[in-house]
Protein backbone atom coordinates (compact mmCIF):
# COMPACT_ATOMS: atom_id res chain seq x y z
CA MET A 1 41.59 51.37 -36.65
CA LYS A 2 39.77 49.80 -33.71
CA TYR A 3 39.01 53.08 -31.99
CA LEU A 4 38.78 55.27 -35.09
CA LYS A 5 34.98 55.32 -35.08
CA HIS A 6 34.85 56.46 -31.46
CA LEU A 7 37.50 59.12 -32.08
CA ILE A 8 35.61 60.58 -35.06
CA CYS A 9 32.35 60.67 -33.07
CA MET A 10 34.06 62.43 -30.15
CA VAL A 11 35.59 65.07 -32.42
CA MET A 12 32.26 65.72 -34.16
CA MET A 13 30.42 66.04 -30.84
CA LEU A 14 33.09 68.45 -29.60
CA PHE A 15 32.62 70.72 -32.63
CA LEU A 16 28.84 70.64 -32.23
CA LEU A 17 28.73 71.25 -28.46
CA LEU A 18 31.35 73.99 -28.15
CA PRO A 19 29.22 76.67 -29.84
CA GLY A 20 26.37 76.14 -27.37
CA ALA A 21 28.75 76.15 -24.40
CA ALA A 22 30.40 79.35 -25.56
CA ALA A 23 27.07 81.07 -26.06
CA SER A 24 25.80 80.00 -22.65
CA GLU A 25 28.95 81.16 -20.87
CA SER A 26 29.14 84.48 -22.68
CA LYS A 27 25.52 85.45 -22.24
CA GLY A 28 24.76 83.74 -18.93
CA GLU A 29 21.43 82.44 -20.16
CA GLY A 30 19.84 79.52 -21.96
CA VAL A 31 21.15 78.48 -25.35
CA ASN A 32 18.97 79.26 -28.33
CA LEU A 33 20.23 76.54 -30.67
CA GLN A 34 17.93 77.62 -33.47
CA GLU A 35 19.32 81.15 -33.41
CA ILE A 36 22.94 79.90 -33.29
CA LEU A 37 22.53 77.46 -36.17
CA TRP A 38 20.40 79.59 -38.48
CA GLY A 39 22.50 82.68 -37.82
CA HIS A 40 25.50 81.04 -39.48
CA ILE A 41 23.88 78.61 -41.89
CA LYS A 42 21.88 81.37 -43.57
CA ASP A 43 23.63 82.84 -46.56
CA SER A 44 25.03 86.38 -46.66
CA TYR A 45 27.19 88.64 -48.81
CA GLU A 46 29.84 89.11 -46.15
CA TRP A 47 31.70 86.62 -43.96
CA HIS A 48 31.91 87.59 -40.31
CA VAL A 49 35.04 85.76 -39.14
CA THR A 50 35.47 86.96 -35.56
CA ASN A 51 35.82 90.02 -33.33
CA ILE A 52 39.08 91.55 -32.15
CA GLY A 53 38.06 93.69 -29.23
CA ASP A 54 35.13 95.75 -30.46
CA LYS A 55 36.21 95.55 -34.09
CA PRO A 56 34.55 92.86 -36.23
CA ILE A 57 36.68 91.06 -38.79
CA ILE A 58 34.54 90.77 -41.92
CA ILE A 59 35.45 89.48 -45.38
CA ASN A 60 33.48 91.41 -47.98
CA LEU A 61 32.58 89.11 -50.88
CA PRO A 62 32.00 90.15 -54.52
CA VAL A 63 28.50 91.18 -55.59
CA ILE A 64 27.41 90.49 -59.18
CA VAL A 65 23.78 91.21 -60.08
CA LYS A 66 21.90 92.06 -63.26
CA THR A 67 19.33 94.77 -62.64
CA SER A 68 16.74 96.29 -64.96
CA ASN A 69 19.35 98.91 -65.87
CA GLY A 70 22.17 96.48 -66.57
CA TRP A 71 24.89 94.70 -64.65
CA TYR A 72 26.18 95.90 -61.28
CA THR A 73 29.45 94.63 -59.81
CA GLY A 74 30.95 95.58 -56.49
CA TRP A 75 31.53 94.33 -52.98
CA ALA A 76 29.39 93.67 -49.95
CA GLU A 77 30.82 96.79 -48.29
CA ASP A 78 28.95 98.85 -50.89
CA PHE A 79 25.80 98.26 -48.82
CA ALA A 80 25.11 99.98 -45.53
CA GLU A 81 25.75 97.93 -42.40
CA GLU A 82 22.46 98.93 -40.79
CA PRO A 83 18.99 99.17 -42.41
CA LEU A 84 17.19 102.45 -42.80
CA GLU A 85 14.90 103.31 -39.90
CA GLU A 86 12.66 105.84 -41.63
CA GLY A 87 11.26 106.58 -45.05
CA PRO A 88 9.74 104.39 -47.77
CA HIS A 89 12.78 102.10 -47.71
CA ALA A 90 12.79 101.50 -43.97
CA GLY A 91 14.09 98.05 -43.09
CA TYR A 92 16.38 97.82 -46.13
CA ARG A 93 20.15 98.20 -46.36
CA PRO A 94 20.77 100.63 -49.24
CA CYS A 95 23.55 100.38 -51.78
CA LYS A 96 25.91 103.35 -51.78
CA ASN A 97 26.54 103.20 -55.53
CA ASN A 98 23.10 102.24 -56.86
CA PRO A 99 19.95 103.88 -55.43
CA ASP A 100 17.72 101.04 -56.63
CA LEU A 101 19.56 98.16 -54.95
CA PHE A 102 18.99 97.11 -51.35
CA ILE A 103 19.56 94.15 -49.08
CA ALA A 104 16.26 93.12 -47.55
CA THR A 105 16.14 92.42 -43.82
CA LYS A 106 12.61 91.08 -43.82
CA GLY A 107 10.03 89.47 -46.06
CA ASN A 108 10.44 86.70 -48.64
CA TYR A 109 13.86 87.96 -49.76
CA GLU A 110 15.43 88.42 -46.35
CA ARG A 111 19.26 88.77 -46.51
CA ARG A 112 19.06 88.94 -50.32
CA ILE A 113 19.71 91.76 -52.77
CA VAL A 114 16.50 93.20 -54.18
CA GLU A 115 15.64 95.97 -56.60
CA LEU A 116 12.89 98.26 -55.35
CA GLN A 117 10.52 99.62 -57.97
CA LYS A 118 8.87 103.06 -57.79
CA ASP A 119 5.64 101.49 -56.52
CA GLY A 120 7.55 99.88 -53.63
CA THR A 121 7.47 96.29 -54.95
CA GLU A 122 10.52 94.06 -54.61
CA VAL A 123 12.12 92.53 -57.69
CA ARG A 124 14.78 89.91 -57.30
CA PRO A 125 17.54 90.56 -59.88
CA LEU A 126 19.69 87.86 -61.45
CA ASP A 127 22.17 87.28 -58.66
CA LEU A 128 25.56 85.70 -59.47
CA SER A 129 27.31 86.93 -56.33
CA ILE A 130 29.91 84.85 -54.49
CA THR A 131 28.10 84.56 -51.19
CA LYS A 132 29.36 82.99 -47.97
CA SER A 133 27.92 79.56 -48.72
CA VAL A 134 29.38 79.59 -52.24
CA CYS A 135 32.77 80.61 -50.85
CA VAL A 136 32.69 77.78 -48.30
CA LEU A 137 31.79 75.28 -51.02
CA PHE A 138 34.74 76.45 -53.11
CA ILE A 139 37.08 75.98 -50.15
CA ASP A 140 35.63 72.54 -49.38
CA ALA A 141 35.93 71.52 -53.04
CA ILE A 142 39.64 72.45 -53.06
CA ILE A 143 40.24 70.49 -49.84
CA LEU A 144 38.32 67.50 -51.21
CA LEU A 145 40.33 67.53 -54.44
CA LEU A 146 43.58 67.62 -52.48
CA CYS A 147 42.43 64.71 -50.32
CA ILE A 148 41.72 62.68 -53.47
CA LEU A 149 44.45 63.74 -55.90
CA ILE A 150 47.42 63.56 -53.54
CA PRO A 151 46.78 59.91 -52.48
CA ALA A 152 45.85 59.03 -56.10
CA ARG A 153 49.22 60.38 -57.26
CA TRP A 154 51.00 58.21 -54.71
CA CYS A 155 49.05 55.10 -55.76
CA ARG A 156 49.86 55.74 -59.41
CA ARG A 157 53.60 55.88 -58.68
CA HIS A 158 53.78 52.85 -56.38
CA LYS A 159 52.97 49.16 -56.54
CA VAL A 160 50.58 47.23 -54.34
CA THR A 161 53.53 45.38 -52.80
CA ASP A 162 55.25 48.61 -51.68
CA LYS A 163 55.23 49.74 -48.08
CA ALA A 164 52.22 51.63 -46.78
CA PRO A 165 52.41 55.41 -47.30
CA LYS A 166 53.18 57.83 -44.50
CA GLY A 167 52.15 61.35 -43.67
CA PHE A 168 49.05 62.88 -45.24
CA THR A 169 48.72 60.11 -47.84
CA GLY A 170 48.89 57.50 -45.11
CA LEU A 171 46.16 59.29 -43.15
CA MET A 172 43.85 59.37 -46.19
CA HIS A 173 44.70 55.72 -46.91
CA MET A 174 43.69 54.82 -43.36
CA PHE A 175 40.28 56.46 -43.73
CA VAL A 176 39.63 54.83 -47.11
CA MET A 177 40.60 51.38 -45.87
CA TYR A 178 38.50 51.83 -42.76
CA VAL A 179 35.38 52.59 -44.80
CA TYR A 180 36.13 49.67 -47.13
CA ASP A 181 37.00 47.08 -44.45
CA GLU A 182 34.47 48.08 -41.79
CA VAL A 183 31.48 49.25 -43.85
CA ILE A 184 31.53 48.21 -47.51
CA LYS A 185 33.07 44.74 -47.28
CA PRO A 186 30.95 43.41 -44.36
CA THR A 187 27.79 44.74 -46.04
CA LEU A 188 28.28 43.62 -49.66
CA GLY A 189 30.57 40.64 -49.22
CA LYS A 190 31.82 39.31 -52.56
CA ASP A 191 30.28 42.27 -54.44
CA SER A 192 32.30 44.80 -52.44
CA GLU A 193 35.03 45.24 -55.08
CA LYS A 194 32.41 45.94 -57.74
CA TYR A 195 30.65 48.74 -55.88
CA ALA A 196 33.55 50.06 -53.77
CA PRO A 197 34.59 52.90 -56.15
CA TYR A 198 31.05 54.30 -56.27
CA LEU A 199 30.46 53.96 -52.52
CA LEU A 200 33.83 55.51 -51.67
CA THR A 201 32.95 58.46 -53.92
CA CYS A 202 29.67 58.86 -52.03
CA SER A 203 31.61 58.71 -48.77
CA SER A 204 33.87 61.53 -49.95
CA SER A 205 30.85 63.64 -50.91
CA SER A 206 29.35 63.05 -47.45
CA SER A 207 32.62 64.17 -45.89
CA TRP A 208 32.45 67.35 -48.00
CA LEU A 209 28.97 68.10 -46.64
CA MET A 210 30.05 67.37 -43.07
CA SER A 211 33.04 69.69 -43.42
CA TRP A 212 30.66 72.49 -44.42
CA VAL A 213 28.62 71.92 -41.22
CA LEU A 214 31.74 71.75 -39.07
CA CYS A 215 33.10 74.91 -40.68
CA HIS A 216 30.02 76.87 -39.63
CA SER A 217 30.13 75.35 -36.13
CA HIS A 218 33.80 76.32 -35.77
CA GLN A 219 33.03 79.83 -36.99
CA GLU A 220 30.47 80.18 -34.20
CA VAL A 221 33.05 79.08 -31.61
CA VAL A 222 35.53 81.71 -32.85
CA THR A 223 32.90 84.45 -33.01
CA LEU A 224 31.43 84.04 -29.53
CA ARG A 225 33.72 85.45 -26.85
CA VAL A 226 33.46 85.15 -23.10
CA ILE A 227 32.68 88.52 -21.60
């Protein structure tokens, strides 16, 4: 418990610094942190996991949009990997199954599905697609629920006088007690028991957000390879 704060900070710094180090070593030049961060924080319809040799490993996510002609459902692989270089639709990634749908690579709707009208104007359809950010949030929500429900099940089946839990439940119990003993109790004093449930819920939500950031940082470490 004494060194837990330092350990957490070291792990977080390691996740945040490794992407920059990998980029610098692989390219042999200065690190463009803005390009690294925005390249993986920005939403997309496919999830680039890593590269095996020259072959990229991509998870194509479901596409669900409502166009002016009705609903269209498919996958991200239905759109061309590269934008058109010539013609009236230059700079857009066309859909193989719908001639009116494109993924914009520039403008206000960059990286989003748009419907191009005959006069060349962009119309943003109702988009209910499961994008990369939505998929990550689903994964984080499942992990968060497991981190809450598994220890809650143990607490419901045991008494306060029982021995401390072990394994995964013991690890979660350690984190909860650390936040309560080192943050909430010294700050609120006698009112700590009153506000502890709400503040611990906020702490769990903050951990959910941090896991999303770390997930994207880890993805960058896996993607960048030393040449």
